[in-house]
Amino acid sequence: MKESEIKIKISLDENKVPEQIYWTAEDAGEVNQKSEAILISLWDADKQNSLRIDLWTKEMKVDEMKTFFHQTLTAMTDTFERATGDEKMAGDMRRFCQYFAEELKLVKDIKKK
C-alpha cells in the first residue's frame, strides 16, 4: 500500500499566535509552500462529528480572509455535489455563495446592472 503525507509547519509568537504557515506535499511536488491561512476539517466516523483546525497568520488581511472564505465555500459546494449527487442543495449553496460575494463586495451584483 502506498502512503502519502501532507506536512504543515506553524511558527508561533510568544502568545501562540501563528506568524508563519508552511505546507509540504512532496507527492504533489510542493515543498515549503507559504500560506497565510488554513482550514482543515476531519470526519470522526466513530463519534459522528467533524474536527476542525482553523489558523491564520497576523499578516492575513481581512479582505483576503473574505475572499478565502468565499472560495472555500464555493469549493465545498462543488465537493458536496460530487459526493452526494444532491443538485438541489448544491444549487441553494451556490446561490448563498453568490449572495455572500455580493454582500462582501467581492463581485458586482449582477441583478443591479
Protein backbone atom coordinates (compact mmCIF):
# COMPACT_ATOMS: atom_id res chain seq x y z
CA MET A 1 0.00 0.00 0.00
CA LYS A 2 1.28 3.47 -0.93
CA GLU A 3 1.23 6.22 1.67
CA SER A 4 1.38 9.96 1.20
CA GLU A 5 1.99 12.75 3.70
CA ILE A 6 0.95 16.36 3.89
CA LYS A 7 3.01 18.28 6.43
CA ILE A 8 2.09 21.62 7.94
CA LYS A 9 4.61 23.67 9.91
CA ILE A 10 3.38 26.56 12.06
CA SER A 11 5.66 29.18 13.64
CA LEU A 12 4.05 30.83 16.67
CA ASP A 13 4.81 34.03 18.52
CA GLU A 14 5.13 34.25 22.32
CA ASN A 15 1.30 34.37 22.59
CA LYS A 16 0.92 31.25 20.43
CA VAL A 17 -0.48 33.26 17.51
CA PRO A 18 0.60 31.90 14.11
CA GLU A 19 3.27 34.02 12.44
CA GLN A 20 4.10 31.69 9.54
CA ILE A 21 2.43 28.69 7.96
CA TYR A 22 4.24 26.38 5.53
CA TRP A 23 2.98 23.17 3.98
CA THR A 24 4.62 20.35 2.06
CA ALA A 25 3.06 17.66 -0.12
CA GLU A 26 6.04 16.01 -1.77
CA ASP A 27 3.89 13.66 -3.90
CA ALA A 28 2.37 16.76 -5.50
CA GLY A 29 5.77 18.42 -5.92
CA GLU A 30 5.04 21.07 -3.29
CA VAL A 31 7.72 21.78 -0.69
CA ASN A 32 7.63 24.51 1.98
CA GLN A 33 4.81 26.47 0.35
CA LYS A 34 3.94 29.59 2.32
CA SER A 35 0.33 30.16 3.31
CA GLU A 36 -1.45 32.81 5.36
CA ALA A 37 -4.38 30.62 6.44
CA ILE A 38 -5.58 27.03 6.64
CA LEU A 39 -8.97 25.43 7.27
CA ILE A 40 -8.91 21.69 7.82
CA SER A 41 -11.93 19.52 8.56
CA LEU A 42 -11.66 15.87 9.54
CA TRP A 43 -14.56 13.43 9.96
CA ASP A 44 -14.56 11.17 13.02
CA ALA A 45 -16.79 8.27 11.97
CA ASP A 46 -16.84 6.74 15.46
CA LYS A 47 -18.06 9.93 17.14
CA GLN A 48 -20.05 11.07 14.08
CA ASN A 49 -18.69 14.61 14.21
CA SER A 50 -16.19 16.81 12.49
CA LEU A 51 -12.93 18.09 13.90
CA ARG A 52 -11.51 21.43 12.74
CA ILE A 53 -8.22 23.23 12.58
CA ASP A 54 -8.59 26.90 11.64
CA LEU A 55 -5.43 29.01 11.66
CA TRP A 56 -4.34 32.27 10.07
CA THR A 57 -1.29 34.46 10.42
CA LYS A 58 -1.06 38.03 11.67
CA GLU A 59 -0.34 39.01 8.06
CA MET A 60 -3.69 37.74 6.73
CA LYS A 61 -5.69 40.78 5.66
CA VAL A 62 -9.43 40.94 6.32
CA ASP A 63 -10.22 41.36 2.61
CA GLU A 64 -8.10 38.31 1.84
CA MET A 65 -9.93 36.32 4.54
CA LYS A 66 -13.28 37.25 2.98
CA THR A 67 -12.08 36.06 -0.43
CA PHE A 68 -10.57 32.91 1.13
CA PHE A 69 -13.89 32.05 2.77
CA HIS A 70 -15.85 32.69 -0.42
CA GLN A 71 -13.54 30.46 -2.45
CA THR A 72 -13.64 27.78 0.27
CA LEU A 73 -17.45 27.82 0.44
CA THR A 74 -17.63 27.58 -3.36
CA ALA A 75 -15.20 24.64 -3.42
CA MET A 76 -17.12 22.92 -0.61
CA THR A 77 -20.31 23.29 -2.65
CA ASP A 78 -18.68 21.54 -5.62
CA THR A 79 -17.37 18.78 -3.34
CA PHE A 80 -20.78 18.40 -1.69
CA GLU A 81 -22.46 17.94 -5.06
CA ARG A 82 -19.87 15.40 -6.28
CA ALA A 83 -20.02 13.46 -3.00
CA THR A 84 -23.80 13.41 -2.55
CA GLY A 85 -25.29 13.98 -6.01
CA ASP A 86 -27.70 16.45 -4.36
CA GLU A 87 -28.08 19.01 -7.16
CA LYS A 88 -30.91 20.93 -5.47
CA MET A 89 -28.98 21.63 -2.26
CA ALA A 90 -25.81 22.40 -4.26
CA GLY A 91 -27.84 24.97 -6.21
CA ASP A 92 -29.05 26.52 -2.95
CA MET A 93 -25.48 26.61 -1.67
CA ARG A 94 -24.28 28.27 -4.90
CA ARG A 95 -26.96 30.94 -4.52
CA PHE A 96 -25.73 31.55 -0.96
CA CYS A 97 -22.13 31.81 -2.22
CA GLN A 98 -23.26 34.39 -4.78
CA TYR A 99 -25.13 36.32 -2.07
CA PHE A 100 -22.07 36.09 0.22
CA ALA A 101 -19.83 37.50 -2.52
CA GLU A 102 -22.26 40.31 -3.34
CA GLU A 103 -22.74 41.33 0.30
CA LEU A 104 -18.97 41.45 0.86
CA LYS A 105 -18.49 43.34 -2.41
CA LEU A 106 -16.30 40.54 -3.79
CA VAL A 107 -18.20 40.61 -7.09
CA LYS A 108 -20.55 43.07 -8.69
CA ASP A 109 -24.25 42.48 -8.07
CA ILE A 110 -25.38 41.15 -11.45
CA LYS A 111 -29.06 41.89 -10.68
CA LYS A 112 -28.41 45.65 -10.29
CA LYS A 113 -26.83 46.06 -13.74
